[in-house]
Amino acid sequence: MQGDEPTSRAEQTEAAEREAAKQRLLAQAEADRVPVEDTTRAVPDRRWRRDQR
């Protein structure tokens, strides 16, 4: 089964490229992430209280 060797090598390369792309996406997502503390302060209390009246 010598025909499997090139396919196997191509699959390994493809898997490595997918993993590298995944790592880049995760790094970008982490860089863009907004801490929860910032999102909870996004709307001041007085703004939604005004709408409650």
N, C-alpha and C. Protein backbone atom coordinates (compact mmCIF):
# COMPACT_ATOMS: atom_id res chain seq x y z
N MET A 1 0.83 -1.19 0.00
CA MET A 1 0.00 0.00 0.00
C MET A 1 0.87 1.25 0.00
N GLN A 2 1.71 1.38 -0.97
CA GLN A 2 2.58 2.55 -1.06
C GLN A 2 1.80 3.77 -1.51
N GLY A 3 0.64 3.59 -2.10
CA GLY A 3 -0.18 4.71 -2.56
C GLY A 3 -0.74 5.54 -1.41
N ASP A 4 -0.78 4.98 -0.21
CA ASP A 4 -1.32 5.72 0.94
C ASP A 4 -0.36 6.78 1.47
N GLU A 5 0.92 6.64 1.20
CA GLU A 5 1.92 7.55 1.78
C GLU A 5 1.71 9.02 1.36
N PRO A 6 1.58 9.34 0.08
CA PRO A 6 1.37 10.75 -0.30
C PRO A 6 0.07 11.32 0.29
N THR A 7 -0.99 10.52 0.27
CA THR A 7 -2.26 10.97 0.83
C THR A 7 -2.11 11.27 2.31
N SER A 8 -1.42 10.40 3.00
CA SER A 8 -1.20 10.57 4.42
C SER A 8 -0.41 11.85 4.68
N ARG A 9 0.61 12.10 3.90
CA ARG A 9 1.42 13.31 4.06
C ARG A 9 0.57 14.55 3.77
N ALA A 10 -0.25 14.49 2.73
CA ALA A 10 -1.12 15.61 2.38
C ALA A 10 -2.14 15.86 3.50
N GLU A 11 -2.67 14.79 4.05
CA GLU A 11 -3.63 14.93 5.15
C GLU A 11 -2.97 15.54 6.38
N GLN A 12 -1.73 15.12 6.65
CA GLN A 12 -1.02 15.69 7.80
C GLN A 12 -0.77 17.17 7.60
N THR A 13 -0.40 17.56 6.39
CA THR A 13 -0.17 18.98 6.08
C THR A 13 -1.45 19.76 6.23
N GLU A 14 -2.53 19.20 5.71
CA GLU A 14 -3.83 19.87 5.80
C GLU A 14 -4.28 20.02 7.25
N ALA A 15 -4.07 18.98 8.03
CA ALA A 15 -4.44 19.03 9.45
C ALA A 15 -3.60 20.08 10.18
N ALA A 16 -2.33 20.18 9.85
CA ALA A 16 -1.46 21.18 10.48
C ALA A 16 -1.91 22.58 10.09
N GLU A 17 -2.30 22.77 8.83
CA GLU A 17 -2.77 24.08 8.38
C GLU A 17 -4.08 24.45 9.08
N ARG A 18 -4.98 23.45 9.22
CA ARG A 18 -6.24 23.71 9.93
C ARG A 18 -5.98 24.10 11.37
N GLU A 19 -5.06 23.41 12.02
CA GLU A 19 -4.72 23.70 13.42
C GLU A 19 -4.13 25.10 13.54
N ALA A 20 -3.27 25.47 12.60
CA ALA A 20 -2.66 26.80 12.63
C ALA A 20 -3.74 27.88 12.43
N ALA A 21 -4.67 27.63 11.52
CA ALA A 21 -5.75 28.59 11.30
C ALA A 21 -6.63 28.70 12.54
N LYS A 22 -6.88 27.58 13.18
CA LYS A 22 -7.68 27.57 14.41
C LYS A 22 -7.00 28.39 15.50
N GLN A 23 -5.69 28.22 15.63
CA GLN A 23 -4.94 28.98 16.64
C GLN A 23 -4.98 30.47 16.34
N ARG A 24 -4.89 30.83 15.05
CA ARG A 24 -4.96 32.26 14.68
C ARG A 24 -6.34 32.82 15.02
N LEU A 25 -7.38 32.06 14.73
CA LEU A 25 -8.74 32.52 15.05
C LEU A 25 -8.93 32.68 16.55
N LEU A 26 -8.44 31.72 17.32
CA LEU A 26 -8.56 31.81 18.78
C LEU A 26 -7.79 33.01 19.32
N ALA A 27 -6.61 33.25 18.78
CA ALA A 27 -5.81 34.40 19.23
C ALA A 27 -6.52 35.71 18.89
N GLN A 28 -7.11 35.79 17.70
CA GLN A 28 -7.84 36.99 17.29
C GLN A 28 -9.07 37.19 18.17
N ALA A 29 -9.80 36.11 18.44
CA ALA A 29 -10.98 36.20 19.29
C ALA A 29 -10.61 36.66 20.69
N GLU A 30 -9.52 36.16 21.21
CA GLU A 30 -9.06 36.56 22.55
C GLU A 30 -8.68 38.03 22.55
N ALA A 31 -8.05 38.49 21.48
CA ALA A 31 -7.64 39.89 21.39
C ALA A 31 -8.87 40.81 21.31
N ASP A 32 -9.94 40.33 20.67
CA ASP A 32 -11.15 41.15 20.51
C ASP A 32 -12.12 41.02 21.68
N ARG A 33 -11.85 40.10 22.58
CA ARG A 33 -12.77 39.81 23.67
C ARG A 33 -12.95 41.02 24.59
N VAL A 34 -14.19 41.27 24.99
CA VAL A 34 -14.50 42.35 25.91
C VAL A 34 -14.76 41.74 27.28
N PRO A 35 -14.08 42.20 28.32
CA PRO A 35 -14.32 41.64 29.65
C PRO A 35 -15.76 41.83 30.10
N VAL A 36 -16.28 40.90 30.87
CA VAL A 36 -17.67 40.96 31.33
C VAL A 36 -17.92 42.24 32.11
N GLU A 37 -16.93 42.68 32.88
CA GLU A 37 -17.11 43.89 33.68
C GLU A 37 -17.45 45.08 32.79
N ASP A 38 -16.85 45.15 31.60
CA ASP A 38 -17.11 46.26 30.69
C ASP A 38 -18.50 46.17 30.08
N THR A 39 -18.97 44.97 29.78
CA THR A 39 -20.28 44.84 29.15
C THR A 39 -21.39 45.15 30.15
N THR A 40 -21.20 44.87 31.42
CA THR A 40 -22.26 45.13 32.39
C THR A 40 -22.39 46.62 32.68
N ARG A 41 -21.36 47.38 32.41
CA ARG A 41 -21.41 48.83 32.65
C ARG A 41 -21.82 49.59 31.39
N ALA A 42 -22.16 48.90 30.31
CA ALA A 42 -22.41 49.56 29.04
C ALA A 42 -23.63 50.48 29.10
N VAL A 43 -24.69 50.08 29.82
CA VAL A 43 -25.91 50.89 29.91
C VAL A 43 -26.03 51.42 31.33
N PRO A 44 -25.97 52.74 31.51
CA PRO A 44 -26.09 53.29 32.86
C PRO A 44 -27.47 53.01 33.45
N ASP A 45 -27.52 52.84 34.76
CA ASP A 45 -28.78 52.55 35.44
C ASP A 45 -29.83 53.62 35.15
N ARG A 46 -29.45 54.89 35.19
CA ARG A 46 -30.43 55.97 35.03
C ARG A 46 -31.13 55.91 33.68
N ARG A 47 -30.46 55.35 32.66
CA ARG A 47 -31.06 55.30 31.34
C ARG A 47 -32.28 54.37 31.33
N TRP A 48 -32.12 53.14 31.87
CA TRP A 48 -33.27 52.24 31.83
C TRP A 48 -34.29 52.61 32.91
N ARG A 49 -33.88 53.26 33.97
CA ARG A 49 -34.84 53.70 34.97
C ARG A 49 -35.76 54.78 34.39
N ARG A 50 -35.21 55.64 33.56
CA ARG A 50 -35.99 56.69 32.91
C ARG A 50 -37.13 56.05 32.08
N ASP A 51 -36.83 54.96 31.40
CA ASP A 51 -37.84 54.28 30.59
C ASP A 51 -38.89 53.59 31.44
N GLN A 52 -38.59 53.30 32.69
CA GLN A 52 -39.52 52.60 33.57
C GLN A 52 -40.63 53.51 34.11
N ARG A 53 -40.41 54.81 34.10
CA ARG A 53 -41.39 55.75 34.69
C ARG A 53 -42.69 55.80 33.93
